Structures are given as C-alpha cells and as structure tokens.
Amino acid sequence: MHYSLFLERRRRSAASSGFTLVELLVVIAIIGVLVGLLLPAVQAAREAARRMSCSNNLKQLGLALQNYHDTYGTFPPQGIFGPGTPPYTLPYHHTWNEMILPFVEQQPLYDTTDRNLPVWGQPIVSTQVSFLRCPSDAGRWELNETHNIAVTNYGGCEGYHWWETGTAGNSAPWNAFGDPFNKSADIMGIFTVNRTRRMSDITDGTSNTIAVAECDSMGFGGGPIRTVGTGLRRVGTPVFRSAFVANGVNGWSGNEGGTQRVVNPDGTPKPSNGWWKNHAFPPTFISAWGPNAHWAGPSSYHPGGIQTVFADGSVAYLTETMDYGTWLKMSAMKDGHTFQDSRN
C-alpha cells in the first residue's frame, strides 16, 4: 500500500511540473517579441558596418586623388575619349578610376592596360575591384547584368551639368542660393571632359567642394530637376556607372556642330543625346539633381542619404533632405559661395 501511494504521488508531481499549452504559447509569444525587437537592431548594426566599409572606400579614393595630384600636378580628367585631335575617331575611353589605380595598390591591373589603345576589349573593362563597390548596394553585381562591364558605386562630380565649358547661365536656380549670384559664375565640378583641374582651381576651398559621391547601381528616377530626395528607385532598368569605360552622355558625346567628337567604345557612331550600351553611364554625376532624385545625380542604398568625399580627402554623410542650394554650392569648385555645413 505504501509503495503504491508513493508511485501515485510521484506521478502527480511529475504531471504538475510540466508546461501547459497556455504557458507554452506565452513563452513562444515572448520569444517572438524579443526577436522582433532584436532584428531591427541587428539590421541597423549590419548597415552601420556596411556604411563604415563604404566610408573607407571613399577615404581610399580621396587619398588616391590627393596622391595623383601630388604626382601629376592636376586631378585626373573624367575620361580620355580620343587621341586629342579631330576627328576623334579612336575611341580610347579610359576613365579617372583607371588613372588612380597605382595609388590604391592596384598597380598590376594598371600595368596590364594599354592606354595607347581603346579600353574596350581590354580585360580591365570587366575587372571587378572591391573598393569601388559599396556593400550596401543591393542592385547590379553580376557582369551578365551589365554587358560585362565592371560597375563602380562612386562617381566624380562634374558640377551642375555635363557641358565642359558651361557656366550657370539662365537655367540655374538663383533662388536656391539665398544670396546674390553671378550668372557667369563657374558652377562646374572637379571632373570634366577634355581638361583637368588643379588644386588651385578650387577657389571655394577643398574642404567645401565635393570630389566624389555615391552612385548606386540602380539609380533613381522621376525626381524634378533642382531637388533632393524626390525620386523613386528604378527597378528592372538600372542606370549604373561603368568603372573603367568612359562612355559619354548627352551632347558632348554626340554629334556636336556636325562633327562626331566621340564614338562608342566599340567604334560605332554615337547619336546625340544618347549613351552607349543601355543604361551604362560614365563614372561621374551632375548636381542639377541632388541626392536620390534622378539617375544623373548621386544616389545610395544607405537609408536617407549619401556618402561623399571632399577635395581635401574628408568623408561626410549628406542627408537627402538637405537644402538644394547648399548641395549645389558643395558641388561647385569656384562659384564664389559658401554654405552652411550640412555634413554628418
């Protein structure tokens, strides 16, 4: 009798120590809430790490530009589109990214490229270089998506528009500056076609002038000109920057004044107001559109803004809600204007 009673009590004790269905559901719910709280924090930490890696890439580019200038006395041109004399029938199309390779520990890649020959057809065209890519970019990474052209996430600043000898003109947004502005002021950037810039040309100050900014591999579209943060990300039809092919865009690269100044990298004629290979753009941007507004301007997968490197080599994060006039002043190297610092 006593042994049976002992077994019965033990059975009841074991039964009472287990989880009920309600208790199990409560525990699962608590775990779900904790995961829901932790996941955004984990994602934010990962994005912070990616942003830091991107910042380091830009620091490399900024330092390379400084060293290039120390060596040659100028910043590199946007690209070398031809032999330098009419009728410009030899399509060289080497980019500024290629020219700085010796200053970013990429001398072997630089040495394998013949700058006396067109770049198209040389191995560098499809050579992916890790420091030219932002790890936050969720767009085009595979060569079969980009015509076998290596992509860069960093574009040199051309200034307000593409025309190499242009000034502000009547189209510039005077009211965006908030102070008197001379229509003949030079609001072009450091990277221009067919000529180079010296440090002494940056009369607004190297710490006030953007040299390079992010340009993601999908781009934005639909944002009005002279705005910031107004576009929607493109899907399906990207506009990406080719790292080592300076395929020109719009008027400069087309038939200007009856003269075919530039041809496609493969030697075929380039129409006016068009670019070679669907949605491939040279490794530059213009500032007529601000961050995250349109494909011609800069863009990024970092939430809410873009990272930039200034002509003095400093790196900054610019929000897509910054004032457009401030953005325009930052992108011009000698417009004679200062700006209220919006950098983070």
Foldseek 3Di string as FASTA:
>chain_A
DVVVVVVVVVVVVVVVPDDDPVRVVVVVVVVVVVCVVVVVVVVVVVLVVLVVLLLVLLLLVLQLQVVVCVVPVFGDAQFDQAPQDPLRQAGQQFGSLLVSCVSNVNVVVNVQADSVHHRPPGPVQLDEDVSQDRPLFPDDDDCVVAVSGHFGFKAFEQFADQDQPDFQAPPHDCVLQVDDFDRRFRRTFQHHPPDTGGPVLLVVDQVLAFTMWTAGFAWWADFDFLAFQRTHTHPPQGQTAGSTGQWAAAAVCAQDPNRRNGAHSVRHHDHHGGTPDRRYHHRHAYLSYEERGGNRYHYDSNPFFIWTATNNSDIWTAGRHDRSSSSSSRHGRTRPDGHDDRTD
